[in-house]
Amino acid sequence: MKLQQYLGGLENVGPVSTEKRVFVEEWEKQLFGVHMCMMGTGIWAWPHLRVKAEGMNPLDYFKYRYYIKWLGGMCAFLIERNYINEEELDELTDYYLENPDAPLPEKGNPKVTQAVVDYMYTGDDPYRDVANNPVFKIGQRVRVLDPPSAVHTRLIGYLRNQVGVIDEVYPKAVLYSDSVPTDSISVPQPIYRVKFMTREIWPERPDTSDSLFSEVFESYLEAA
């Protein structure tokens, strides 16, 4: 498991950012627009983005800002899928750096445009119309599993092997991704909100009654 898959509870990786702006620089808005267009065409999904970020060297992951990671991941994806090659990307990057006011190419496709517009209105729906038969019930004690690392995970690192209590069972089955390698969350399944005591997660701070809630896929849990 890489450090960036730990998703919290780490020390000595630099100060916590308190930046509240969604977009810090103007180009980040444009990048988000490109991302939405890629989502609307169906060639790209949120898991693709997260896989690319988790695939980075951990030192680079903590060094770069949020949308810089997006940019690197999106470029790598487009090169891998042969939408553009590395030489073309370098050439166009150099050109627009030298000519920032140069017009962008216009190659409209009405079908693609409509698909993107439709996506803007509908977004993603992770729920699936399949039987949702949860194994666990509210109040039941469960233990978080420690599965082998995959290209992508939705399991918070510091919750591995921890014991908690089911606080809520969500009513519908959820599919996270069936298009990228994950650690067993590629089929529709129940999701639970699980309550953990922070003093059990971080025993070096035992004098607290604080609790932590996390949404956990069923395949990450077993009865405790």
C-alpha atoms as a PDB file:
ATOM      1  CA  MET A   1       0.000   0.000   0.000  1.00  0.00           C
ATOM      2  CA  LYS A   2       1.393   3.383  -0.995  1.00  0.00           C
ATOM      3  CA  LEU A   3       1.412   6.323   1.379  1.00  0.00           C
ATOM      4  CA  GLN A   4      -1.168   8.178  -0.698  1.00  0.00           C
ATOM      5  CA  GLN A   5      -3.568   5.253  -0.230  1.00  0.00           C
ATOM      6  CA  TYR A   6      -3.414   5.762   3.520  1.00  0.00           C
ATOM      7  CA  LEU A   7      -5.715   8.787   3.175  1.00  0.00           C
ATOM      8  CA  GLY A   8      -5.031  10.259   6.589  1.00  0.00           C
ATOM      9  CA  GLY A   9      -3.390   9.798   9.953  1.00  0.00           C
ATOM     10  CA  LEU A  10       0.136  10.394   8.665  1.00  0.00           C
ATOM     11  CA  GLU A  11       2.648  12.687  10.299  1.00  0.00           C
ATOM     12  CA  ASN A  12       5.738  14.467   8.979  1.00  0.00           C
ATOM     13  CA  VAL A  13       4.490  14.871   5.403  1.00  0.00           C
ATOM     14  CA  GLY A  14       4.331  18.646   5.536  1.00  0.00           C
ATOM     15  CA  PRO A  15       1.748  21.174   6.713  1.00  0.00           C
ATOM     16  CA  VAL A  16      -1.958  20.637   6.142  1.00  0.00           C
ATOM     17  CA  SER A  17      -3.243  22.967   3.440  1.00  0.00           C
ATOM     18  CA  THR A  18      -5.938  25.377   4.581  1.00  0.00           C
ATOM     19  CA  GLU A  19      -6.630  26.652   1.060  1.00  0.00           C
ATOM     20  CA  LYS A  20     -10.404  27.111   0.665  1.00  0.00           C
ATOM     21  CA  ARG A  21     -10.567  28.204  -2.962  1.00  0.00           C
ATOM     22  CA  VAL A  22     -11.791  25.500  -5.334  1.00  0.00           C
ATOM     23  CA  PHE A  23      -9.561  26.795  -8.120  1.00  0.00           C
ATOM     24  CA  VAL A  24      -6.318  28.558  -7.220  1.00  0.00           C
ATOM     25  CA  GLU A  25      -5.213  29.366 -10.770  1.00  0.00           C
ATOM     26  CA  GLU A  26      -7.242  30.082 -13.897  1.00  0.00           C
ATOM     27  CA  TRP A  27      -5.945  27.057 -15.814  1.00  0.00           C
ATOM     28  CA  GLU A  28      -7.429  24.771 -13.162  1.00  0.00           C
ATOM     29  CA  LYS A  29     -10.937  25.812 -14.217  1.00  0.00           C
ATOM     30  CA  GLN A  30     -10.114  24.897 -17.802  1.00  0.00           C
ATOM     31  CA  LEU A  31      -8.667  21.567 -16.734  1.00  0.00           C
ATOM     32  CA  PHE A  32     -11.844  20.774 -14.813  1.00  0.00           C
ATOM     33  CA  GLY A  33     -13.806  21.563 -17.976  1.00  0.00           C
ATOM     34  CA  VAL A  34     -11.665  19.140 -19.980  1.00  0.00           C
ATOM     35  CA  HIS A  35     -12.206  16.522 -17.286  1.00  0.00           C
ATOM     36  CA  MET A  36     -15.991  16.981 -17.484  1.00  0.00           C
ATOM     37  CA  CYS A  37     -15.893  16.643 -21.271  1.00  0.00           C
ATOM     38  CA  MET A  38     -13.921  13.417 -20.984  1.00  0.00           C
ATOM     39  CA  MET A  39     -16.449  12.136 -18.443  1.00  0.00           C
ATOM     40  CA  GLY A  40     -19.335  13.093 -20.706  1.00  0.00           C
ATOM     41  CA  THR A  41     -17.939  11.150 -23.645  1.00  0.00           C
ATOM     42  CA  GLY A  42     -17.603   8.023 -21.520  1.00  0.00           C
ATOM     43  CA  ILE A  43     -13.886   7.487 -22.152  1.00  0.00           C
ATOM     44  CA  TRP A  44     -12.884   8.535 -18.630  1.00  0.00           C
ATOM     45  CA  ALA A  45     -14.246   8.042 -15.126  1.00  0.00           C
ATOM     46  CA  TRP A  46     -13.369   9.145 -11.605  1.00  0.00           C
ATOM     47  CA  PRO A  47     -11.518   5.884 -10.848  1.00  0.00           C
ATOM     48  CA  HIS A  48      -9.191   6.505 -13.807  1.00  0.00           C
ATOM     49  CA  LEU A  49      -8.212   9.811 -12.252  1.00  0.00           C
ATOM     50  CA  ARG A  50      -7.629   8.290  -8.828  1.00  0.00           C
ATOM     51  CA  VAL A  51      -5.630   5.374 -10.219  1.00  0.00           C
ATOM     52  CA  LYS A  52      -3.251   7.801 -11.894  1.00  0.00           C
ATOM     53  CA  ALA A  53      -2.822   9.795  -8.687  1.00  0.00           C
ATOM     54  CA  GLU A  54      -2.224   6.692  -6.580  1.00  0.00           C
ATOM     55  CA  GLY A  55       0.251   5.438  -9.155  1.00  0.00           C
ATOM     56  CA  MET A  56       2.538   8.414  -8.588  1.00  0.00           C
ATOM     57  CA  ASN A  57       5.735   8.266  -6.598  1.00  0.00           C
ATOM     58  CA  PRO A  58       4.619   9.144  -3.031  1.00  0.00           C
ATOM     59  CA  LEU A  59       7.161  11.962  -2.810  1.00  0.00           C
ATOM     60  CA  ASP A  60       5.689  13.519  -5.952  1.00  0.00           C
ATOM     61  CA  TYR A  61       2.147  12.946  -4.717  1.00  0.00           C
ATOM     62  CA  PHE A  62       2.703  15.022  -1.598  1.00  0.00           C
ATOM     63  CA  LYS A  63       4.734  17.631  -3.461  1.00  0.00           C
ATOM     64  CA  TYR A  64       2.226  18.628  -6.143  1.00  0.00           C
ATOM     65  CA  ARG A  65      -1.034  20.496  -5.741  1.00  0.00           C
ATOM     66  CA  TYR A  66      -4.370  18.820  -6.410  1.00  0.00           C
ATOM     67  CA  TYR A  67      -4.964  19.857 -10.018  1.00  0.00           C
ATOM     68  CA  ILE A  68      -1.365  19.299 -11.029  1.00  0.00           C
ATOM     69  CA  LYS A  69      -1.973  15.639 -10.174  1.00  0.00           C
ATOM     70  CA  TRP A  70      -5.104  15.772 -12.328  1.00  0.00           C
ATOM     71  CA  LEU A  71      -3.133  17.217 -15.229  1.00  0.00           C
ATOM     72  CA  GLY A  72      -0.466  14.530 -15.051  1.00  0.00           C
ATOM     73  CA  GLY A  73      -3.026  11.741 -14.769  1.00  0.00           C
ATOM     74  CA  MET A  74      -5.172  12.980 -17.640  1.00  0.00           C
ATOM     75  CA  CYS A  75      -2.188  13.433 -19.946  1.00  0.00           C
ATOM     76  CA  ALA A  76      -0.870   9.957 -19.130  1.00  0.00           C
ATOM     77  CA  PHE A  77      -4.311   8.449 -19.784  1.00  0.00           C
ATOM     78  CA  LEU A  78      -4.711  10.164 -23.169  1.00  0.00           C
ATOM     79  CA  ILE A  79      -1.242   9.037 -24.235  1.00  0.00           C
ATOM     80  CA  GLU A  80      -1.853   5.446 -23.109  1.00  0.00           C
ATOM     81  CA  ARG A  81      -5.136   5.315 -25.047  1.00  0.00           C
ATOM     82  CA  ASN A  82      -3.515   6.816 -28.174  1.00  0.00           C
ATOM     83  CA  TYR A  83      -5.669   9.943 -28.257  1.00  0.00           C
ATOM     84  CA  ILE A  84      -2.418  11.887 -28.497  1.00  0.00           C
ATOM     85  CA  ASN A  85       1.234  10.913 -28.430  1.00  0.00           C
ATOM     86  CA  GLU A  86       3.922  12.330 -26.199  1.00  0.00           C
ATOM     87  CA  GLU A  87       5.649  14.215 -29.006  1.00  0.00           C
ATOM     88  CA  GLU A  88       2.413  15.955 -30.024  1.00  0.00           C
ATOM     89  CA  LEU A  89       1.721  16.884 -26.415  1.00  0.00           C
ATOM     90  CA  ASP A  90       5.203  18.345 -25.933  1.00  0.00           C
ATOM     91  CA  GLU A  91       4.971  20.250 -29.216  1.00  0.00           C
ATOM     92  CA  LEU A  92       1.570  21.769 -28.413  1.00  0.00           C
ATOM     93  CA  THR A  93       2.629  22.574 -24.846  1.00  0.00           C
ATOM     94  CA  ASP A  94       5.680  24.476 -26.068  1.00  0.00           C
ATOM     95  CA  TYR A  95       3.613  26.285 -28.703  1.00  0.00           C
ATOM     96  CA  TYR A  96       0.965  27.560 -26.291  1.00  0.00           C
ATOM     97  CA  LEU A  97       3.544  28.500 -23.666  1.00  0.00           C
ATOM     98  CA  GLU A  98       5.226  30.671 -26.287  1.00  0.00           C
ATOM     99  CA  ASN A  99       1.907  31.883 -27.735  1.00  0.00           C
ATOM    100  CA  PRO A 100      -0.573  32.076 -24.827  1.00  0.00           C
ATOM    101  CA  ASP A 101      -3.068  34.138 -26.850  1.00  0.00           C
ATOM    102  CA  ALA A 102      -3.115  31.797 -29.843  1.00  0.00           C
ATOM    103  CA  PRO A 103      -6.622  30.498 -30.645  1.00  0.00           C
ATOM    104  CA  LEU A 104      -7.448  26.936 -29.723  1.00  0.00           C
ATOM    105  CA  PRO A 105      -8.395  24.516 -32.516  1.00  0.00           C
ATOM    106  CA  GLU A 106     -12.110  24.234 -33.218  1.00  0.00           C
ATOM    107  CA  LYS A 107     -13.222  20.727 -34.123  1.00  0.00           C
ATOM    108  CA  GLY A 108     -16.811  20.546 -33.016  1.00  0.00           C
ATOM    109  CA  ASN A 109     -18.780  17.298 -33.013  1.00  0.00           C
ATOM    110  CA  PRO A 110     -22.516  17.785 -32.307  1.00  0.00           C
ATOM    111  CA  LYS A 111     -22.975  14.272 -30.894  1.00  0.00           C
ATOM    112  CA  VAL A 112     -20.052  14.649 -28.518  1.00  0.00           C
ATOM    113  CA  THR A 113     -21.226  18.117 -27.506  1.00  0.00           C
ATOM    114  CA  GLN A 114     -24.703  16.808 -26.689  1.00  0.00           C
ATOM    115  CA  ALA A 115     -23.283  13.878 -24.719  1.00  0.00           C
ATOM    116  CA  VAL A 116     -21.246  16.284 -22.603  1.00  0.00           C
ATOM    117  CA  VAL A 117     -24.234  18.595 -22.047  1.00  0.00           C
ATOM    118  CA  ASP A 118     -26.385  15.628 -20.995  1.00  0.00           C
ATOM    119  CA  TYR A 119     -23.703  14.527 -18.561  1.00  0.00           C
ATOM    120  CA  MET A 120     -23.600  17.999 -17.024  1.00  0.00           C
ATOM    121  CA  TYR A 121     -27.283  17.648 -16.144  1.00  0.00           C
ATOM    122  CA  THR A 122     -27.344  14.009 -15.060  1.00  0.00           C
ATOM    123  CA  GLY A 123     -23.884  13.334 -13.628  1.00  0.00           C
ATOM    124  CA  ASP A 124     -22.937   9.909 -12.310  1.00  0.00           C
ATOM    125  CA  ASP A 125     -25.297   7.530 -10.588  1.00  0.00           C
ATOM    126  CA  PRO A 126     -23.434   4.903  -8.535  1.00  0.00           C
ATOM    127  CA  TYR A 127     -26.625   3.102  -7.486  1.00  0.00           C
ATOM    128  CA  ARG A 128     -27.599  -0.110  -9.251  1.00  0.00           C
ATOM    129  CA  ASP A 129     -30.988  -1.794  -9.526  1.00  0.00           C
ATOM    130  CA  VAL A 130     -29.891  -5.086  -8.030  1.00  0.00           C
ATOM    131  CA  ALA A 131     -30.917  -6.816  -4.829  1.00  0.00           C
ATOM    132  CA  ASN A 132     -29.234  -5.180  -1.861  1.00  0.00           C
ATOM    133  CA  ASN A 133     -28.931  -7.894   0.778  1.00  0.00           C
ATOM    134  CA  PRO A 134     -26.609  -6.513   3.458  1.00  0.00           C
ATOM    135  CA  VAL A 135     -24.757  -9.075   5.549  1.00  0.00           C
ATOM    136  CA  PHE A 136     -24.427  -6.774   8.561  1.00  0.00           C
ATOM    137  CA  LYS A 137     -27.011  -4.852  10.571  1.00  0.00           C
ATOM    138  CA  ILE A 138     -27.062  -1.699  12.673  1.00  0.00           C
ATOM    139  CA  GLY A 139     -25.296  -2.159  16.003  1.00  0.00           C
ATOM    140  CA  GLN A 140     -23.207  -5.120  14.845  1.00  0.00           C
ATOM    141  CA  ARG A 141     -19.464  -5.117  15.527  1.00  0.00           C
ATOM    142  CA  VAL A 142     -17.322  -5.531  12.435  1.00  0.00           C
ATOM    143  CA  ARG A 143     -13.634  -5.725  11.671  1.00  0.00           C
ATOM    144  CA  VAL A 144     -12.061  -4.005   8.689  1.00  0.00           C
ATOM    145  CA  LEU A 145     -10.086  -6.393   6.511  1.00  0.00           C
ATOM    146  CA  ASP A 146      -6.542  -5.822   5.289  1.00  0.00           C
ATOM    147  CA  PRO A 147      -6.637  -6.906   1.629  1.00  0.00           C
ATOM    148  CA  PRO A 148      -3.539  -6.820  -0.576  1.00  0.00           C
ATOM    149  CA  SER A 149      -2.865  -3.502  -2.223  1.00  0.00           C
ATOM    150  CA  ALA A 150      -4.372  -2.934  -5.639  1.00  0.00           C
ATOM    151  CA  VAL A 151      -3.939  -0.242  -8.254  1.00  0.00           C
ATOM    152  CA  HIS A 152      -6.791   1.575  -6.547  1.00  0.00           C
ATOM    153  CA  THR A 153      -8.497   1.248  -3.184  1.00  0.00           C
ATOM    154  CA  ARG A 154     -11.323   2.978  -1.331  1.00  0.00           C
ATOM    155  CA  LEU A 155     -10.208   1.542   2.000  1.00  0.00           C
ATOM    156  CA  ILE A 156      -8.677   4.077   4.357  1.00  0.00           C
ATOM    157  CA  GLY A 157      -5.273   2.840   5.443  1.00  0.00           C
ATOM    158  CA  TYR A 158      -5.567   3.602   9.149  1.00  0.00           C
ATOM    159  CA  LEU A 159      -8.847   1.650   9.394  1.00  0.00           C
ATOM    160  CA  ARG A 160      -7.308  -1.648   8.309  1.00  0.00           C
ATOM    161  CA  ASN A 161      -7.715  -4.286  11.056  1.00  0.00           C
ATOM    162  CA  GLN A 162      -9.766  -1.886  13.191  1.00  0.00           C
ATOM    163  CA  VAL A 163     -13.041  -2.870  14.884  1.00  0.00           C
ATOM    164  CA  GLY A 164     -16.105  -0.657  14.687  1.00  0.00           C
ATOM    165  CA  VAL A 165     -19.886  -0.737  14.953  1.00  0.00           C
ATOM    166  CA  ILE A 166     -22.367  -0.489  12.079  1.00  0.00           C
ATOM    167  CA  ASP A 167     -24.108   2.866  12.482  1.00  0.00           C
ATOM    168  CA  GLU A 168     -26.150   2.882   9.278  1.00  0.00           C
ATOM    169  CA  VAL A 169     -26.885   0.544   6.374  1.00  0.00           C
ATOM    170  CA  TYR A 170     -27.407   2.434   3.141  1.00  0.00           C
ATOM    171  CA  PRO A 171     -30.519   1.314   1.243  1.00  0.00           C
ATOM    172  CA  LYS A 172     -29.130   0.753  -2.258  1.00  0.00           C
ATOM    173  CA  ALA A 173     -26.324  -1.277  -3.786  1.00  0.00           C
ATOM    174  CA  VAL A 174     -23.451   0.847  -5.040  1.00  0.00           C
ATOM    175  CA  LEU A 175     -21.016   0.186  -7.865  1.00  0.00           C
ATOM    176  CA  TYR A 176     -17.782   2.085  -7.490  1.00  0.00           C
ATOM    177  CA  SER A 177     -15.981   0.945 -10.623  1.00  0.00           C
ATOM    178  CA  ASP A 178     -15.908  -1.909 -13.057  1.00  0.00           C
ATOM    179  CA  SER A 179     -13.467  -0.221 -15.431  1.00  0.00           C
ATOM    180  CA  VAL A 180     -10.250  -0.010 -13.410  1.00  0.00           C
ATOM    181  CA  PRO A 181      -8.412  -2.509 -11.190  1.00  0.00           C
ATOM    182  CA  THR A 182      -9.637  -2.284  -7.600  1.00  0.00           C
ATOM    183  CA  ASP A 183      -9.432  -4.441  -4.505  1.00  0.00           C
ATOM    184  CA  SER A 184     -12.816  -6.208  -4.744  1.00  0.00           C
ATOM    185  CA  ILE A 185     -15.165  -3.232  -5.168  1.00  0.00           C
ATOM    186  CA  SER A 186     -15.898  -3.821  -8.855  1.00  0.00           C
ATOM    187  CA  VAL A 187     -19.359  -5.337  -8.255  1.00  0.00           C
ATOM    188  CA  PRO A 188     -22.487  -3.638  -6.829  1.00  0.00           C
ATOM    189  CA  GLN A 189     -22.624  -4.110  -3.063  1.00  0.00           C
ATOM    190  CA  PRO A 190     -23.926  -2.597   0.177  1.00  0.00           C
ATOM    191  CA  ILE A 191     -22.180   0.302   1.869  1.00  0.00           C
ATOM    192  CA  TYR A 192     -22.202   0.904   5.616  1.00  0.00           C
ATOM    193  CA  ARG A 193     -21.469   3.853   7.836  1.00  0.00           C
ATOM    194  CA  VAL A 194     -19.218   2.457  10.549  1.00  0.00           C
ATOM    195  CA  LYS A 195     -18.406   4.112  13.872  1.00  0.00           C
ATOM    196  CA  PHE A 196     -14.882   3.799  15.277  1.00  0.00           C
ATOM    197  CA  MET A 197     -13.428   5.110  18.539  1.00  0.00           C
ATOM    198  CA  THR A 198     -10.390   7.253  17.821  1.00  0.00           C
ATOM    199  CA  ARG A 199      -8.578   6.044  20.957  1.00  0.00           C
ATOM    200  CA  GLU A 200      -8.593   2.545  19.457  1.00  0.00           C
ATOM    201  CA  ILE A 201      -7.243   3.740  16.112  1.00  0.00           C
ATOM    202  CA  TRP A 202      -4.573   5.911  17.732  1.00  0.00           C
ATOM    203  CA  PRO A 203      -3.885   4.311  21.150  1.00  0.00           C
ATOM    204  CA  GLU A 204      -1.123   6.820  21.874  1.00  0.00           C
ATOM    205  CA  ARG A 205      -3.979   9.250  22.568  1.00  0.00           C
ATOM    206  CA  PRO A 206      -6.208   7.221  24.904  1.00  0.00           C
ATOM    207  CA  ASP A 207      -7.780  10.089  26.848  1.00  0.00           C
ATOM    208  CA  THR A 208     -10.534  10.883  24.377  1.00  0.00           C
ATOM    209  CA  SER A 209     -14.085   9.757  23.755  1.00  0.00           C
ATOM    210  CA  ASP A 210     -14.092  11.063  20.183  1.00  0.00           C
ATOM    211  CA  SER A 211     -15.520   8.869  17.467  1.00  0.00           C
ATOM    212  CA  LEU A 212     -14.902   8.668  13.737  1.00  0.00           C
ATOM    213  CA  PHE A 213     -17.437   7.640  11.099  1.00  0.00           C
ATOM    214  CA  SER A 214     -16.475   6.160   7.750  1.00  0.00           C
ATOM    215  CA  GLU A 215     -18.427   4.748   4.819  1.00  0.00           C
ATOM    216  CA  VAL A 216     -17.115   1.272   4.056  1.00  0.00           C
ATOM    217  CA  PHE A 217     -17.904  -1.173   1.250  1.00  0.00           C
ATOM    218  CA  GLU A 218     -19.182  -4.550   2.451  1.00  0.00           C
ATOM    219  CA  SER A 219     -16.294  -6.466   0.871  1.00  0.00           C
ATOM    220  CA  TYR A 220     -13.913  -4.656   3.230  1.00  0.00           C
ATOM    221  CA  LEU A 221     -15.691  -5.959   6.363  1.00  0.00           C
ATOM    222  CA  GLU A 222     -16.097  -9.126   8.403  1.00  0.00           C
ATOM    223  CA  ALA A 223     -17.990  -9.878  11.608  1.00  0.00           C
ATOM    224  CA  ALA A 224     -15.944  -9.128  14.729  1.00  0.00           C
END
